[in-house]
Protein backbone atom coordinates (compact mmCIF):
# COMPACT_ATOMS: atom_id res chain seq x y z
CA MET A 1 0.00 0.00 0.00
CA ASP A 2 2.83 2.39 0.84
CA THR A 3 4.44 1.63 -2.51
CA ILE A 4 1.22 2.44 -4.36
CA HIS A 5 0.81 5.74 -2.54
CA GLY A 6 4.44 6.58 -3.16
CA HIS A 7 4.05 5.79 -6.86
CA VAL A 8 1.02 8.06 -7.21
CA PHE A 9 2.80 10.82 -5.31
CA LYS A 10 5.88 10.63 -7.53
CA LYS A 11 3.79 10.27 -10.68
CA ASP A 12 2.32 13.77 -10.26
CA PHE A 13 5.56 15.36 -9.05
CA GLU A 14 6.56 16.97 -12.36
CA LEU A 15 3.02 18.19 -12.97
CA ARG A 16 3.01 20.06 -9.67
CA TYR A 17 6.03 22.07 -10.78
CA ALA A 18 5.12 22.54 -14.44
CA TYR A 19 5.03 26.19 -15.52
CA LYS A 20 2.06 25.52 -17.80
CA ALA A 21 0.07 24.08 -14.91
CA ARG A 22 -0.60 27.62 -13.63
CA ASN A 23 -0.22 29.42 -16.96
CA PRO A 24 0.48 32.71 -15.13
CA ILE A 25 -0.17 36.06 -16.77
CA SER A 26 2.31 38.82 -16.04
CA THR A 27 1.22 41.90 -14.10
CA GLY A 28 3.51 44.05 -16.22
CA TRP A 29 5.63 44.74 -13.14
CA LYS A 30 8.80 42.67 -13.04
CA ILE A 31 9.20 43.13 -9.28
CA ILE A 32 5.69 41.87 -8.51
CA ASP A 33 5.96 39.00 -10.98
CA GLY A 34 9.11 37.99 -9.14
CA ILE A 35 7.28 37.42 -5.85
CA ILE A 36 4.05 35.98 -7.29
CA ASN A 37 5.69 33.24 -9.38
CA GLN A 38 5.49 35.04 -12.75
CA GLY A 39 1.95 36.40 -12.36
CA LEU A 40 -1.56 35.40 -11.37
CA GLY A 41 -2.30 31.85 -12.54
CA LYS A 42 -5.37 30.03 -13.77
CA GLY A 43 -8.01 29.46 -11.13
CA GLU A 44 -6.56 32.22 -8.94
CA LEU A 45 -8.23 35.37 -7.62
CA GLY A 46 -6.33 38.64 -7.26
CA VAL A 47 -7.68 41.68 -5.40
CA VAL A 48 -6.59 45.31 -5.59
CA ILE A 49 -7.46 47.34 -2.48
CA ALA A 50 -7.61 51.13 -2.55
CA PRO A 51 -9.69 54.02 -1.18
CA THR A 52 -11.97 56.10 -3.37
CA GLY A 53 -10.05 57.96 -6.05
CA ALA A 54 -6.76 56.15 -5.51
CA GLY A 55 -6.85 54.30 -8.82
CA LYS A 56 -8.53 50.87 -8.48
CA SER A 57 -10.02 51.01 -11.99
CA MET A 58 -6.78 52.33 -13.41
CA VAL A 59 -4.81 49.42 -11.93
CA LEU A 60 -7.28 46.90 -13.37
CA ALA A 61 -7.00 48.57 -16.79
CA HIS A 62 -3.20 48.34 -16.54
CA LEU A 63 -3.38 44.61 -15.73
CA GLY A 64 -5.80 43.96 -18.59
CA ALA A 65 -3.90 46.09 -21.10
CA HIS A 66 -0.61 44.37 -20.35
CA ALA A 67 -2.27 40.98 -20.88
CA VAL A 68 -3.73 42.14 -24.21
CA LYS A 69 -0.32 43.39 -25.33
CA GLU A 70 1.05 39.92 -24.54
CA GLY A 71 -1.51 38.38 -26.90
CA ARG A 72 -4.04 37.32 -24.27
CA SER A 73 -7.82 37.45 -24.59
CA VAL A 74 -9.29 39.61 -21.81
CA VAL A 75 -12.89 40.03 -20.65
CA HIS A 76 -13.41 43.17 -18.57
CA TYR A 77 -16.66 43.70 -16.63
CA THR A 78 -17.35 47.21 -15.43
CA LEU A 79 -20.03 48.07 -12.88
CA GLU A 80 -18.99 51.65 -12.22
CA LEU A 81 -17.49 53.19 -15.36
CA SER A 82 -19.03 53.11 -18.84
CA GLU A 83 -17.75 50.80 -21.56
CA ALA A 84 -16.45 53.83 -23.48
CA THR A 85 -14.53 55.23 -20.49
CA THR A 86 -13.04 51.84 -19.71
CA GLY A 87 -12.07 51.33 -23.35
CA GLN A 88 -10.36 54.73 -23.46
CA ARG A 89 -8.19 53.73 -20.50
CA TYR A 90 -7.06 50.68 -22.42
CA ASP A 91 -6.42 52.83 -25.51
CA SER A 92 -4.28 55.20 -23.48
CA CYS A 93 -2.36 52.42 -21.74
CA VAL A 94 -1.65 50.55 -24.98
CA SER A 95 -0.88 53.55 -27.19
CA GLY A 96 0.90 55.75 -24.65
CA VAL A 97 -1.33 58.68 -25.66
CA ARG A 98 -2.70 60.70 -22.75
CA LEU A 99 -6.41 60.42 -22.03
CA SER A 100 -6.90 64.12 -22.77
CA ASP A 101 -5.35 63.70 -26.24
CA LEU A 102 -7.15 60.54 -27.37
CA LEU A 103 -9.75 62.33 -29.48
CA SER A 104 -7.33 64.67 -31.23
CA MET A 105 -4.89 61.80 -31.87
CA LYS A 106 -7.52 59.19 -32.70
CA GLU A 107 -5.81 58.03 -35.91
CA LEU A 108 -2.52 57.38 -34.13
CA VAL A 109 -4.28 55.52 -31.32
CA TYR A 110 -6.13 53.36 -33.85
CA GLU A 111 -2.86 52.55 -35.61
CA LYS A 112 -1.24 51.56 -32.30
CA ILE A 113 -4.01 49.24 -31.17
CA GLN A 114 -4.11 47.50 -34.57
CA ASN A 115 -0.72 46.01 -33.75
CA VAL A 116 -1.89 44.48 -30.45
CA ALA A 117 -1.89 40.68 -30.57
CA GLY A 118 -4.59 40.05 -27.95
CA SER A 119 -8.30 40.79 -27.78
CA LEU A 120 -10.49 42.75 -25.38
CA ILE A 121 -14.19 42.46 -24.58
CA ILE A 122 -15.70 45.09 -22.29
CA LYS A 123 -19.15 44.46 -20.83
CA GLU A 124 -20.97 47.02 -18.69
CA TYR A 125 -23.61 46.26 -16.06
CA PRO A 126 -25.39 48.83 -13.88
CA THR A 127 -24.17 48.97 -10.28
CA LYS A 128 -25.64 46.25 -8.05
CA SER A 129 -27.71 44.86 -10.92
CA ALA A 130 -25.65 41.81 -11.86
CA PRO A 131 -24.92 38.83 -9.59
CA PRO A 132 -21.91 36.61 -10.36
CA ASN A 133 -24.17 34.18 -12.25
CA VAL A 134 -24.88 36.89 -14.84
CA LEU A 135 -21.16 37.11 -15.53
CA ARG A 136 -21.03 33.34 -15.78
CA SER A 137 -23.89 33.34 -18.32
CA HIS A 138 -22.10 35.93 -20.44
CA LEU A 139 -18.88 33.92 -20.31
CA GLU A 140 -20.78 30.83 -21.46
CA LYS A 141 -22.11 32.76 -24.47
CA LEU A 142 -18.57 33.78 -25.33
CA LYS A 143 -17.39 30.17 -25.09
CA LYS A 144 -20.17 29.03 -27.43
CA ARG A 145 -18.90 31.60 -29.94
CA ASN A 146 -15.43 30.03 -29.53
CA GLN A 147 -14.13 33.16 -27.85
CA LYS A 148 -10.94 32.42 -25.96
CA ILE A 149 -10.89 33.64 -22.34
CA ASP A 150 -7.45 34.10 -20.80
CA MET A 151 -8.19 36.67 -18.09
CA ILE A 152 -11.28 38.12 -16.42
CA LEU A 153 -11.43 41.49 -14.66
CA VAL A 154 -14.35 42.72 -12.54
CA ASP A 155 -14.45 46.43 -11.69
CA TYR A 156 -15.33 45.88 -9.00
CA ALA A 157 -16.65 42.94 -6.93
CA ASP A 158 -18.26 45.02 -4.18
CA LEU A 159 -20.66 46.40 -6.82
CA LEU A 160 -21.97 42.99 -7.85
CA LYS A 161 -25.42 41.94 -6.68
CA PRO A 162 -25.31 39.22 -4.01
CA VAL A 163 -27.00 35.89 -4.65
CA GLY A 164 -29.64 35.31 -1.98
CA ASN A 165 -30.47 37.16 1.21
CA TYR A 166 -28.01 37.43 4.07
CA LYS A 167 -28.30 38.78 7.58
CA GLU A 168 -25.03 40.69 7.34
CA LYS A 169 -23.30 42.52 4.52
CA ARG A 170 -20.04 40.74 5.25
CA MET A 171 -21.72 37.44 4.36
CA GLU A 172 -23.01 38.93 1.09
CA LEU A 173 -19.52 40.04 0.13
CA GLU A 174 -17.97 36.75 1.17
CA SER A 175 -20.41 34.95 -1.14
CA ILE A 176 -19.54 37.25 -4.06
CA TYR A 177 -15.79 36.73 -3.69
CA GLU A 178 -16.21 32.98 -3.38
CA SER A 179 -18.25 33.03 -6.59
CA LEU A 180 -15.52 34.95 -8.43
CA ARG A 181 -12.88 32.46 -7.38
CA ALA A 182 -15.19 29.66 -8.53
CA ILE A 183 -15.44 31.39 -11.93
CA ALA A 184 -11.64 31.54 -12.07
CA GLN A 185 -11.50 27.80 -11.46
CA GLU A 186 -14.30 26.95 -13.90
CA TYR A 187 -12.78 28.93 -16.76
CA GLU A 188 -9.21 28.05 -15.79
CA CYS A 189 -7.94 31.59 -15.90
CA PRO A 190 -6.96 34.34 -13.45
CA VAL A 191 -9.63 36.74 -12.20
CA TRP A 192 -8.71 40.21 -10.98
CA THR A 193 -11.06 42.46 -9.06
CA ALA A 194 -10.89 45.40 -6.64
CA SER A 195 -12.15 46.33 -3.21
CA GLN A 196 -12.72 49.72 -1.64
CA THR A 197 -11.31 50.63 1.76
CA ASN A 198 -13.25 52.28 4.54
CA ARG A 199 -12.55 55.88 5.52
CA SER A 200 -9.51 54.91 7.58
CA GLY A 201 -7.70 54.14 4.34
CA LEU A 202 -8.22 57.54 2.73
CA ASN A 203 -5.03 59.19 3.99
CA ALA A 204 -3.13 56.12 5.15
CA GLU A 205 0.55 55.91 4.26
CA VAL A 206 0.02 52.17 3.71
CA VAL A 207 -3.40 50.58 3.25
CA THR A 208 -3.61 47.24 5.03
CA MET A 209 -6.37 44.65 5.04
CA GLU A 210 -7.70 46.19 8.25
CA SER A 211 -8.92 49.10 6.11
CA ILE A 212 -11.12 46.96 3.87
CA SER A 213 -14.72 48.14 3.84
CA GLU A 214 -17.25 46.01 5.71
CA ALA A 215 -15.58 42.63 5.76
CA PHE A 216 -12.16 41.10 6.04
CA SER A 217 -13.86 37.87 5.04
CA LYS A 218 -14.43 38.94 1.44
CA CYS A 219 -10.72 38.54 0.77
CA PHE A 220 -10.41 35.24 2.61
CA VAL A 221 -10.49 33.24 -0.64
CA ALA A 222 -8.13 35.53 -2.58
CA ASP A 223 -4.75 34.22 -3.69
CA PHE A 224 -3.02 37.57 -4.06
CA ILE A 225 -3.95 40.90 -2.52
CA PHE A 226 -2.17 44.20 -2.84
CA SER A 227 -3.18 47.71 -1.88
CA ILE A 228 -2.52 51.10 -3.43
CA SER A 229 -2.15 54.08 -1.09
CA ARG A 230 -1.84 57.67 -2.32
CA THR A 231 -2.02 60.66 -0.01
CA ILE A 232 -2.77 64.14 -1.38
CA LYS A 233 0.96 64.79 -1.48
CA ASP A 234 1.47 61.54 -3.41
CA LYS A 235 -1.19 62.44 -5.97
CA ASN A 236 0.46 65.78 -6.65
CA ALA A 237 3.77 63.98 -7.22
CA ASN A 238 2.30 61.05 -9.21
CA SER A 239 3.63 58.72 -6.53
CA GLY A 240 2.32 56.28 -3.93
CA ARG A 241 2.91 52.89 -2.34
CA LEU A 242 1.98 49.33 -3.17
CA PHE A 243 1.64 46.97 -0.20
CA VAL A 244 1.60 43.19 -0.75
CA ALA A 245 -0.93 42.08 1.86
CA LYS A 246 -1.41 38.43 0.92
CA ASN A 247 0.46 36.09 -1.39
CA ARG A 248 -0.20 32.35 -1.56
CA ASN A 249 2.70 31.87 -3.99
CA GLY A 250 5.40 33.81 -2.18
CA VAL A 251 6.30 36.45 0.37
CA ASP A 252 4.00 39.21 1.59
CA GLY A 253 4.19 42.18 3.94
CA LEU A 254 6.30 44.13 1.44
CA VAL A 255 5.96 47.81 0.50
CA TYR A 256 7.08 49.21 -2.83
CA PRO A 257 7.18 52.81 -4.05
CA ILE A 258 5.20 53.41 -7.24
CA PHE A 259 4.88 55.99 -9.99
CA MET A 260 1.27 56.47 -11.02
CA ASP A 261 0.15 58.90 -13.72
CA PRO A 262 -3.65 58.80 -14.22
CA GLY A 263 -3.27 60.99 -17.31
CA ASN A 264 -2.02 58.11 -19.42
CA VAL A 265 -2.74 55.08 -17.23
CA LYS A 266 0.94 54.60 -16.51
CA ILE A 267 2.02 52.70 -13.41
CA LYS A 268 5.54 51.67 -12.44
CA VAL A 269 6.65 49.70 -9.38
CA PHE A 270 10.15 50.31 -8.01
CA GLU A 271 12.44 48.32 -5.76
CA GLN A 272 11.83 48.59 -2.03
CA THR A 273 14.14 51.08 -0.31
CA ASP A 274 14.91 52.06 3.27
CA GLU A 275 13.24 55.40 2.59
CA THR A 276 10.02 53.63 1.60
CA VAL A 277 9.87 51.81 4.90
CA ASP A 278 10.68 55.00 6.83
CA GLU A 279 7.62 56.69 5.33
CA ILE A 280 5.30 54.32 7.19
CA ARG A 281 4.36 56.35 10.22
CA GLU A 282 2.46 54.04 12.53
CA LYS A 283 3.67 50.49 11.89
CA SER A 284 6.37 48.80 9.90
CA ALA A 285 5.38 46.62 6.95
CA LYS A 286 6.26 43.53 8.98
CA GLU A 287 4.06 44.60 11.89
CA GLN A 288 1.18 45.26 9.53
CA ALA A 289 1.64 41.87 7.90
CA ASP A 290 1.72 40.19 11.33
CA ALA A 291 -1.45 42.04 12.35
CA MET A 292 -3.12 40.92 9.13
CA LYS A 293 -2.10 37.31 9.70
CA GLU A 294 -3.41 37.41 13.28
CA LYS A 295 -6.73 38.77 12.06
CA TYR A 296 -6.73 36.05 9.42
CA LYS A 297 -6.32 33.40 12.14
CA ASN A 298 -9.15 34.91 14.18
CA PHE A 299 -11.39 34.89 11.14
CA ARG A 300 -10.67 31.21 10.52
CA ARG A 301 -11.57 30.43 14.13
CA GLN A 302 -14.79 32.37 13.68
CA LYS A 303 -15.57 30.45 10.49
CA SER A 304 -14.98 27.15 12.27
CA GLY A 305 -17.39 28.24 15.00
CA GLU A 306 -20.09 29.14 12.47
CA ALA A 307 -19.69 25.77 10.77
């Protein structure tokens, strides 16, 4: 019996380490790809956390645009911005033309996007009108038309309609995030979405998972979570910080300085420096990561109690 078990274990050994098993899609940031095992993989859920106006939609557009430039087929659901506005962000990111100049340079933009190897489908739903099953139905229609689906983005999950009635909002959100991860597994591709912080995250030097609106539980199923924090001073300087809050495939608790120009959907992530860490006023990145992990443990105990 031991020999049989050992044989089965060894039989799948190479498969467990095969690059194609995850089929990761790059984030477009070499530093982040380096700690997430080359990008978000199939069946995995990634979450971008940021306060209002910090750039959640812009980050999702960056992730989708980079995938399209790599020849991937992307489906982008928007529940806040219009299809036209979302499409313009992709146009700007791919072409390098500023958002304010897209109309006057329309011919150049068109020429640039003609050379892109991938494909993009943008589908708009009114806020709180579409439950996850509506997205699933749309994806099924695309599959029947032989449309390839390499990556799915949802801008953003908190604006989806919950399935069923729940006593607490945190349970509604938990159900939505679980559904999105199920979609990632069913369609064997990465799913990216975003989450809004509560008011405590508005002027935070580093946004941690403690600042997530309503429920820590909605990110319980996520594989990779990072936050974007931008104070007023940061916005004026086109700068900010990216905090890796959770990473199933590598290290977390890291803070990186970023360049972020909303004018042309341009985002760069730089190496971590001593100065970056010094800018965190209340807690170090390690302390924040430890606090997050402790809260994570408490949540799991709570879940076990509910079960």
